[in-house]
Amino acid sequence: MMDINEIRQLLPHRYPFLLVDRVTAIDLEEKTINAYKNVSINEPFFNGHFPQYPIMPGVLIIEAMAQAAGVLGFKMMDASPDDGTLYYFVGSDKLRFRQPVVPGDRLDLAASFISAKRGIWKFNCQATVGDVIVCSAEIICAERKL
């Protein structure tokens, strides 16, 4: 388990763009991670998306999955931004949205390592609310040295 302070050591994002609140499980042997984001009406994006029917923007759901995958990648490499390593979200394959995410939801994030080749990492990711899959994708990240 990782709290927000440990997450902030691995992800360079800060409010309002840090989208992982807690890591609940990480298994480096199986190369998997489980994390979550509490979705609150106080999120700044709800002011315009959409005021009468607030839903979390899909691109932010994808970003949350990518951030969870980034934490897993950093832990697998035993590296951090302080070491001069960053992960950039560079693409996705097999992306699907299945249901809106609304204020009050807990967005559960799961990622598992697929492959790494020449600094390009691929993860299978899924976002759920309760037992319902709301988004799934293969997330592609590029490892860069600063």
Protein backbone atom coordinates (compact mmCIF):
# COMPACT_ATOMS: atom_id res chain seq x y z
CA MET A 1 0.00 0.00 0.00
CA MET A 2 1.17 3.53 -0.79
CA ASP A 3 -0.27 6.76 0.57
CA ILE A 4 -0.36 10.09 -1.26
CA ASN A 5 3.07 11.15 0.02
CA GLU A 6 4.70 8.01 -1.42
CA ILE A 7 2.78 8.44 -4.69
CA ARG A 8 4.02 12.05 -4.95
CA GLN A 9 7.61 10.76 -4.76
CA LEU A 10 7.01 8.74 -7.95
CA LEU A 11 4.61 10.91 -9.96
CA PRO A 12 5.62 14.46 -10.89
CA HIS A 13 1.95 15.52 -11.16
CA ARG A 14 0.39 17.86 -8.62
CA TYR A 15 -3.10 19.17 -7.92
CA PRO A 16 -5.31 19.35 -9.86
CA PHE A 17 -3.66 16.80 -12.15
CA LEU A 18 -2.54 14.13 -9.68
CA LEU A 19 -5.25 11.51 -10.24
CA VAL A 20 -4.13 8.64 -8.00
CA ASP A 21 -5.14 9.02 -4.34
CA ARG A 22 -3.88 5.71 -2.99
CA VAL A 23 -2.23 2.49 -4.11
CA THR A 24 -3.96 -0.44 -2.43
CA ALA A 25 -1.78 -3.25 -3.80
CA ILE A 26 1.35 -3.63 -5.83
CA ASP A 27 2.84 -7.00 -6.77
CA LEU A 28 6.25 -6.68 -8.39
CA GLU A 29 6.47 -10.41 -9.00
CA GLU A 30 3.17 -10.45 -10.92
CA LYS A 31 3.83 -6.90 -12.21
CA THR A 32 0.40 -5.55 -11.23
CA ILE A 33 -0.95 -2.55 -9.35
CA ASN A 34 -4.31 -1.58 -7.86
CA ALA A 35 -5.05 2.02 -6.94
CA TYR A 36 -7.97 4.43 -6.71
CA LYS A 37 -9.13 7.98 -7.23
CA ASN A 38 -11.97 9.39 -5.14
CA VAL A 39 -14.12 11.46 -7.48
CA SER A 40 -15.47 14.56 -5.73
CA ILE A 41 -17.86 17.28 -6.92
CA ASN A 42 -15.11 19.71 -5.86
CA GLU A 43 -12.94 18.67 -8.84
CA PRO A 44 -12.36 21.76 -11.01
CA PHE A 45 -13.35 20.01 -14.25
CA PHE A 46 -16.95 19.53 -13.06
CA ASN A 47 -17.56 23.29 -13.38
CA GLY A 48 -17.69 22.90 -17.14
CA HIS A 49 -18.15 19.15 -17.77
CA PHE A 50 -21.16 19.36 -17.49
CA PRO A 51 -22.74 21.73 -14.95
CA GLN A 52 -26.22 20.14 -15.11
CA TYR A 53 -24.92 16.55 -15.35
CA PRO A 54 -21.35 16.36 -14.02
CA ILE A 55 -19.30 13.50 -15.48
CA MET A 56 -15.56 12.92 -15.27
CA PRO A 57 -13.93 13.62 -18.65
CA GLY A 58 -12.82 10.44 -20.38
CA VAL A 59 -9.33 11.80 -21.02
CA LEU A 60 -8.87 12.16 -17.25
CA ILE A 61 -9.96 8.54 -16.70
CA ILE A 62 -7.31 7.52 -19.23
CA GLU A 63 -4.76 9.76 -17.50
CA ALA A 64 -5.61 8.19 -14.12
CA MET A 65 -4.98 4.72 -15.58
CA ALA A 66 -1.70 5.96 -17.10
CA GLN A 67 -0.60 7.41 -13.75
CA ALA A 68 -1.28 4.08 -12.01
CA ALA A 69 0.73 2.34 -14.75
CA GLY A 70 3.51 4.90 -14.24
CA VAL A 71 3.73 4.10 -10.54
CA LEU A 72 4.02 0.41 -11.43
CA GLY A 73 6.75 1.15 -13.98
CA PHE A 74 8.74 3.25 -11.52
CA LYS A 75 8.48 0.53 -8.87
CA MET A 76 9.50 -2.18 -11.37
CA MET A 77 12.62 -0.16 -12.31
CA ASP A 78 13.26 0.99 -8.74
CA ALA A 79 13.52 4.53 -10.13
CA SER A 80 11.88 7.91 -9.59
CA PRO A 81 11.79 11.40 -11.12
CA ASP A 82 14.44 12.38 -8.56
CA ASP A 83 16.77 9.92 -10.34
CA GLY A 84 16.15 11.75 -13.62
CA THR A 85 13.60 9.28 -14.99
CA LEU A 86 10.18 10.25 -16.33
CA TYR A 87 7.37 8.38 -18.04
CA TYR A 88 5.39 10.11 -20.75
CA PHE A 89 1.97 8.88 -21.78
CA VAL A 90 2.37 8.41 -25.54
CA GLY A 91 -0.63 6.39 -26.67
CA SER A 92 -3.32 3.84 -26.13
CA ASP A 93 -4.70 0.85 -27.96
CA LYS A 94 -8.01 -0.98 -27.53
CA LEU A 95 -9.53 1.99 -25.68
CA ARG A 96 -13.17 1.59 -24.63
CA PHE A 97 -15.50 3.66 -22.44
CA ARG A 98 -18.46 1.78 -21.04
CA GLN A 99 -20.12 4.01 -18.43
CA PRO A 100 -19.84 7.58 -17.10
CA VAL A 101 -18.00 8.35 -13.86
CA VAL A 102 -19.82 10.84 -11.62
CA PRO A 103 -19.14 12.70 -8.35
CA GLY A 104 -19.18 10.35 -5.38
CA ASP A 105 -17.72 7.43 -7.33
CA ARG A 106 -14.53 5.69 -6.32
CA LEU A 107 -12.60 5.06 -9.52
CA ASP A 108 -10.63 1.87 -9.00
CA LEU A 109 -7.58 1.57 -11.25
CA ALA A 110 -5.78 -1.64 -12.19
CA ALA A 111 -2.73 -2.03 -14.41
CA SER A 112 -0.61 -4.98 -15.40
CA PHE A 113 2.67 -4.94 -17.28
CA ILE A 114 2.58 -6.30 -20.84
CA SER A 115 6.01 -5.47 -22.31
CA ALA A 116 8.95 -3.07 -22.47
CA LYS A 117 11.12 -2.59 -25.51
CA ARG A 118 13.65 0.22 -26.14
CA GLY A 119 12.10 2.45 -23.47
CA ILE A 120 8.50 1.93 -24.62
CA TRP A 121 6.37 0.29 -21.93
CA LYS A 122 2.92 -1.20 -22.47
CA PHE A 123 0.34 -1.88 -19.74
CA ASN A 124 -3.11 -3.45 -19.72
CA CYS A 125 -5.32 -1.05 -17.72
CA GLN A 126 -8.86 -1.06 -16.41
CA ALA A 127 -10.95 1.45 -14.47
CA THR A 128 -13.97 0.28 -12.52
CA VAL A 129 -16.65 1.74 -10.27
CA GLY A 130 -17.84 -0.98 -7.95
CA ASP A 131 -17.99 -4.12 -10.07
CA VAL A 132 -18.66 -2.22 -13.32
CA ILE A 133 -15.88 -1.67 -15.85
CA VAL A 134 -16.06 1.98 -16.94
CA CYS A 135 -12.94 2.10 -19.13
CA SER A 136 -10.25 -0.23 -20.42
CA ALA A 137 -7.19 0.28 -22.60
CA GLU A 138 -3.66 -0.73 -23.33
CA ILE A 139 -1.60 2.27 -22.18
CA ILE A 140 1.73 3.03 -23.82
CA CYS A 141 4.38 5.05 -21.96
CA ALA A 142 7.84 6.19 -23.00
CA GLU A 143 10.65 6.15 -20.47
CA ARG A 144 12.88 9.21 -20.69
CA LYS A 145 16.02 10.22 -18.84
CA LEU A 146 16.26 13.88 -17.98
